[in-house]
N, C-alpha and C. Protein backbone atom coordinates (compact mmCIF):
# COMPACT_ATOMS: atom_id res chain seq x y z
N MET A 1 48.90 -88.04 -2.30
CA MET A 1 48.52 -86.92 -2.54
C MET A 1 47.65 -86.54 -3.84
N LYS A 2 47.04 -87.51 -4.49
CA LYS A 2 45.90 -87.58 -5.50
C LYS A 2 44.80 -87.35 -4.33
N ALA A 3 44.79 -88.32 -3.47
CA ALA A 3 43.66 -88.43 -2.73
C ALA A 3 43.25 -87.13 -1.53
N SER A 4 44.36 -86.63 -1.10
CA SER A 4 43.95 -85.42 -0.07
C SER A 4 43.97 -84.23 -1.17
N SER A 5 44.41 -84.19 -2.65
CA SER A 5 43.43 -83.02 -3.57
C SER A 5 41.95 -83.61 -3.72
N ILE A 6 41.44 -84.62 -3.97
CA ILE A 6 40.27 -85.00 -4.32
C ILE A 6 39.15 -84.89 -2.87
N LEU A 7 39.80 -84.73 -1.60
CA LEU A 7 39.15 -84.98 -0.33
C LEU A 7 39.17 -83.10 -0.12
N VAL A 8 39.94 -82.37 -0.39
CA VAL A 8 39.94 -80.70 -0.67
C VAL A 8 38.89 -80.40 -1.67
N LEU A 9 38.70 -81.04 -2.75
CA LEU A 9 37.77 -80.44 -3.87
C LEU A 9 36.61 -80.74 -3.33
N ALA A 10 36.18 -81.68 -2.65
CA ALA A 10 35.15 -82.49 -2.34
C ALA A 10 34.58 -81.36 -1.20
N ALA A 11 35.23 -81.12 0.19
CA ALA A 11 35.16 -80.36 0.94
C ALA A 11 34.58 -78.57 0.39
N ALA A 12 35.69 -78.32 -0.76
CA ALA A 12 35.22 -76.90 -1.35
C ALA A 12 33.72 -77.17 -1.85
N ALA A 13 33.37 -77.73 -2.33
CA ALA A 13 32.04 -77.97 -3.19
C ALA A 13 31.10 -78.35 -2.19
N ALA A 14 31.33 -79.09 -1.14
CA ALA A 14 30.38 -78.72 -0.09
C ALA A 14 29.94 -77.75 0.70
N LEU A 15 31.08 -76.65 0.85
CA LEU A 15 30.80 -75.70 1.55
C LEU A 15 30.36 -74.80 0.27
N VAL A 16 30.91 -74.79 -0.71
CA VAL A 16 29.92 -73.99 -1.86
C VAL A 16 28.22 -73.87 -2.02
N LEU A 17 27.86 -75.49 -1.67
CA LEU A 17 26.52 -75.98 -1.75
C LEU A 17 25.91 -75.29 -0.75
N VAL A 18 26.46 -75.69 0.51
CA VAL A 18 25.75 -74.97 1.66
C VAL A 18 25.49 -73.50 1.94
N LEU A 19 26.83 -72.68 1.49
CA LEU A 19 26.78 -71.23 1.40
C LEU A 19 25.55 -70.93 0.56
N ALA A 20 25.30 -71.72 -0.71
CA ALA A 20 24.44 -71.49 -1.69
C ALA A 20 22.82 -71.53 -1.13
N HIS A 21 22.79 -72.88 -0.31
CA HIS A 21 21.54 -72.95 -0.07
C HIS A 21 21.10 -71.84 1.32
N GLU A 22 22.20 -71.36 2.14
CA GLU A 22 22.01 -70.38 2.88
C GLU A 22 21.30 -68.98 2.42
N ALA A 23 21.86 -68.66 1.10
CA ALA A 23 21.84 -67.29 0.14
C ALA A 23 20.46 -67.11 -0.03
N ASP A 24 20.12 -68.61 -0.86
CA ASP A 24 18.52 -69.07 -1.21
C ASP A 24 17.63 -68.79 0.10
N VAL A 25 17.82 -69.32 1.31
CA VAL A 25 16.94 -69.27 2.04
C VAL A 25 16.82 -67.95 2.81
N SER A 26 18.07 -66.89 2.83
CA SER A 26 17.77 -65.61 3.16
C SER A 26 16.81 -64.82 2.09
N MET A 27 17.35 -64.97 1.05
CA MET A 27 16.47 -64.09 0.03
C MET A 27 15.57 -64.59 0.07
N ALA A 28 14.75 -65.68 0.13
CA ALA A 28 13.45 -66.09 0.38
C ALA A 28 13.02 -65.10 1.14
N ALA A 29 13.58 -65.33 2.57
CA ALA A 29 13.05 -64.41 3.52
C ALA A 29 12.64 -63.07 3.68
N SER A 30 13.68 -62.63 3.02
CA SER A 30 13.79 -61.17 2.63
C SER A 30 12.79 -60.46 1.33
N ALA A 31 12.39 -61.38 0.70
CA ALA A 31 11.87 -61.29 -0.65
C ALA A 31 10.57 -60.49 -0.63
N VAL A 32 9.74 -60.64 0.52
CA VAL A 32 8.84 -60.05 0.73
C VAL A 32 8.76 -58.60 1.29
N THR A 33 8.17 -57.73 0.59
CA THR A 33 7.94 -56.40 0.72
C THR A 33 6.78 -56.25 1.35
N CYS A 34 6.53 -55.70 2.86
CA CYS A 34 5.28 -55.48 3.69
C CYS A 34 4.44 -54.24 2.99
N LYS A 35 3.46 -54.48 2.31
CA LYS A 35 2.82 -53.32 1.54
C LYS A 35 1.40 -53.53 1.72
N PRO A 36 0.75 -53.19 2.76
CA PRO A 36 -0.72 -53.72 2.74
C PRO A 36 -1.58 -53.33 1.33
N THR A 37 -1.00 -52.07 0.82
CA THR A 37 -2.17 -52.04 -0.55
C THR A 37 -1.54 -53.52 -1.79
N GLU A 38 -0.67 -54.52 -1.29
CA GLU A 38 -0.75 -55.51 -2.07
C GLU A 38 -1.74 -56.47 -1.91
N LEU A 39 -2.68 -55.92 -0.57
CA LEU A 39 -4.12 -56.76 -0.52
C LEU A 39 -5.15 -56.04 -1.00
N ASN A 40 -5.18 -55.23 -1.99
CA ASN A 40 -5.78 -54.42 -2.53
C ASN A 40 -6.91 -55.17 -3.08
N PRO A 41 -6.63 -56.58 -3.76
CA PRO A 41 -7.40 -57.43 -4.76
C PRO A 41 -8.76 -57.79 -3.44
N CYS A 42 -8.46 -57.73 -2.37
CA CYS A 42 -9.01 -58.79 -1.21
C CYS A 42 -9.98 -57.41 -0.60
N ILE A 43 -9.80 -56.30 -0.85
CA ILE A 43 -11.05 -55.45 -0.17
C ILE A 43 -12.43 -55.85 -0.64
N GLY A 44 -12.64 -56.36 -1.99
CA GLY A 44 -14.13 -56.16 -1.65
C GLY A 44 -14.40 -57.88 -1.30
N ALA A 45 -13.61 -58.79 -0.68
CA ALA A 45 -14.19 -60.07 -0.49
C ALA A 45 -13.74 -59.63 1.35
N ILE A 46 -12.95 -58.47 1.77
CA ILE A 46 -12.97 -58.13 3.27
C ILE A 46 -14.02 -57.74 3.87
N THR A 47 -14.56 -56.71 3.13
CA THR A 47 -15.72 -55.67 3.04
C THR A 47 -16.82 -56.24 2.96
N SER A 48 -17.14 -57.28 2.00
CA SER A 48 -18.30 -58.07 1.88
C SER A 48 -18.84 -59.52 2.53
N GLY A 49 -17.50 -60.05 2.44
CA GLY A 49 -17.83 -61.25 2.96
C GLY A 49 -17.95 -62.21 1.77
N ALA A 50 -17.58 -61.81 0.63
CA ALA A 50 -17.58 -62.60 -0.62
C ALA A 50 -16.34 -63.54 -1.03
N ARG A 51 -16.38 -64.58 -1.34
CA ARG A 51 -15.33 -65.41 -1.68
C ARG A 51 -14.40 -64.84 -2.41
N PRO A 52 -12.91 -65.06 -1.87
CA PRO A 52 -11.83 -64.25 -2.46
C PRO A 52 -11.65 -64.53 -4.10
N SER A 53 -10.66 -63.92 -4.80
CA SER A 53 -10.44 -64.09 -6.18
C SER A 53 -9.14 -64.77 -5.81
N PRO A 54 -8.85 -65.81 -7.40
CA PRO A 54 -7.26 -66.50 -6.91
C PRO A 54 -6.24 -65.19 -6.58
N LEU A 55 -6.78 -64.06 -7.39
CA LEU A 55 -5.67 -63.29 -7.18
C LEU A 55 -5.30 -62.52 -5.57
N CYS A 56 -6.36 -62.46 -5.18
CA CYS A 56 -6.58 -62.06 -3.62
C CYS A 56 -6.02 -63.00 -3.17
N CYS A 57 -6.07 -64.39 -2.99
CA CYS A 57 -5.47 -65.16 -2.40
C CYS A 57 -3.99 -65.54 -2.65
N THR A 58 -3.47 -65.30 -3.84
CA THR A 58 -2.25 -65.26 -4.11
C THR A 58 -1.39 -63.94 -3.27
N LYS A 59 -2.32 -62.89 -3.25
CA LYS A 59 -1.52 -61.74 -2.49
C LYS A 59 -1.75 -62.38 -0.86
N MET A 60 -2.38 -62.53 -0.63
CA MET A 60 -2.88 -63.14 1.01
C MET A 60 -1.89 -63.90 1.07
N LYS A 61 -1.21 -64.77 0.07
CA LYS A 61 0.21 -65.62 0.54
C LYS A 61 1.43 -65.31 0.67
N GLN A 62 1.32 -64.21 -0.69
CA GLN A 62 2.38 -63.50 -0.28
C GLN A 62 2.68 -62.34 0.86
N GLN A 63 1.37 -62.04 1.03
CA GLN A 63 2.05 -60.96 2.12
C GLN A 63 1.70 -61.82 3.65
N SER A 64 1.60 -62.99 3.65
CA SER A 64 1.12 -63.73 4.93
C SER A 64 2.69 -63.34 5.86
N PRO A 65 3.53 -63.57 5.70
CA PRO A 65 4.87 -63.09 6.36
C PRO A 65 4.65 -61.68 6.99
N CYS A 66 4.20 -60.75 6.72
CA CYS A 66 3.81 -59.26 7.39
C CYS A 66 2.59 -59.66 8.40
N PHE A 67 1.48 -60.51 8.50
CA PHE A 67 0.47 -60.10 9.23
C PHE A 67 0.71 -59.88 10.34
N CYS A 68 1.86 -59.97 11.18
CA CYS A 68 2.05 -59.74 12.75
C CYS A 68 2.25 -58.11 12.65
N GLN A 69 3.27 -57.68 11.48
CA GLN A 69 3.31 -56.10 11.36
C GLN A 69 1.88 -55.58 11.35
N TYR A 70 0.69 -56.16 10.39
CA TYR A 70 -0.03 -55.47 10.13
C TYR A 70 -0.78 -55.29 11.52
N ILE A 71 -1.41 -56.72 12.36
CA ILE A 71 -1.87 -56.91 13.32
C ILE A 71 -1.57 -55.66 14.19
N LYS A 72 -0.31 -55.67 14.39
CA LYS A 72 0.57 -54.55 15.48
C LYS A 72 -0.06 -53.14 14.96
N ASN A 73 -0.07 -52.77 13.92
CA ASN A 73 -0.67 -51.46 13.22
C ASN A 73 -2.30 -51.32 13.75
N PRO A 74 -2.93 -50.23 14.09
CA PRO A 74 -4.10 -50.36 14.01
C PRO A 74 -4.43 -49.90 13.12
N ASP A 75 -3.80 -49.14 12.30
CA ASP A 75 -4.47 -48.69 10.93
C ASP A 75 -4.85 -50.29 9.65
N TYR A 76 -4.22 -50.79 9.98
CA TYR A 76 -4.02 -52.27 9.52
C TYR A 76 -4.51 -53.28 10.12
N LYS A 77 -4.82 -53.35 11.20
CA LYS A 77 -5.23 -54.81 11.61
C LYS A 77 -6.45 -55.19 11.26
N LYS A 78 -7.25 -54.38 10.89
CA LYS A 78 -8.51 -55.21 10.35
C LYS A 78 -8.44 -55.84 9.14
N ILE A 79 -7.29 -55.63 7.82
CA ILE A 79 -7.38 -56.30 7.19
C ILE A 79 -6.75 -57.89 7.05
N VAL A 80 -6.84 -58.26 8.62
CA VAL A 80 -6.35 -59.48 9.14
C VAL A 80 -7.04 -60.30 10.08
N THR A 81 -7.54 -59.21 10.97
CA THR A 81 -8.19 -59.66 12.25
C THR A 81 -9.87 -59.84 11.90
N SER A 82 -10.55 -58.86 11.04
CA SER A 82 -11.94 -58.81 11.26
C SER A 82 -12.42 -59.71 10.62
N PRO A 83 -13.89 -60.31 10.92
CA PRO A 83 -14.49 -61.63 10.75
C PRO A 83 -14.55 -61.56 9.46
N ASN A 84 -14.52 -60.85 8.44
CA ASN A 84 -14.41 -61.38 7.13
C ASN A 84 -13.19 -61.74 6.48
N ALA A 85 -12.38 -60.51 7.24
CA ALA A 85 -11.06 -60.95 6.62
C ALA A 85 -10.56 -62.15 7.11
N LYS A 86 -10.85 -62.96 8.05
CA LYS A 86 -10.78 -64.35 8.94
C LYS A 86 -11.05 -65.18 7.69
N LYS A 87 -12.53 -64.95 7.02
CA LYS A 87 -12.69 -65.92 6.38
C LYS A 87 -12.35 -65.55 5.05
N VAL A 88 -11.54 -64.68 4.66
CA VAL A 88 -10.91 -64.53 3.31
C VAL A 88 -9.26 -65.55 3.50
N VAL A 89 -8.88 -64.93 4.68
CA VAL A 89 -7.87 -65.73 4.86
C VAL A 89 -7.83 -67.29 5.03
N THR A 90 -9.06 -67.80 5.53
CA THR A 90 -9.28 -69.35 6.04
C THR A 90 -9.46 -69.83 4.28
N ALA A 91 -10.24 -69.19 3.48
CA ALA A 91 -10.95 -69.58 2.31
C ALA A 91 -9.40 -69.41 1.47
N CYS A 92 -8.55 -68.97 1.71
CA CYS A 92 -7.26 -68.96 0.96
C CYS A 92 -6.23 -69.87 1.20
N GLY A 93 -6.30 -70.50 2.46
CA GLY A 93 -5.68 -71.71 3.13
C GLY A 93 -4.37 -70.69 3.89
N VAL A 94 -4.66 -69.54 4.04
CA VAL A 94 -3.32 -68.97 4.92
C VAL A 94 -3.92 -68.82 6.29
N SER A 95 -3.05 -69.09 7.34
CA SER A 95 -3.16 -69.00 8.69
C SER A 95 -2.74 -67.72 9.25
N ILE A 96 -3.29 -67.22 10.51
CA ILE A 96 -3.16 -66.12 11.08
C ILE A 96 -2.21 -66.52 12.06
N PRO A 97 -1.20 -65.71 11.80
CA PRO A 97 -0.35 -66.21 13.12
C PRO A 97 -0.49 -65.75 14.42
N LYS A 98 -0.10 -66.22 15.61
CA LYS A 98 -0.35 -65.78 16.66
C LYS A 98 1.15 -64.82 17.15
N CYS A 99 0.73 -63.50 17.35
CA CYS A 99 2.21 -62.62 17.59
C CYS A 99 2.33 -62.27 18.69
């Protein structure tokens, strides 16, 4: 009887860990709010080809899950795909996805 109780507790603990991990992964994926204005710190670098600031790179990395959405929108496409934007993205160590 004691062994079966320990087994049930171990199985319950494993289930809790799995569910907690799935919740963390889900929250991380949905934590990004796609707002092109978040890339405002990059405007100077994108328009002039200057080296991006650390803040710009942080924002690029945060917004990278949104790049396909931006690429598909004609109003925002240039902030990811223009030649200078590609330089900024590369300098920040971010890749442009194939959408």
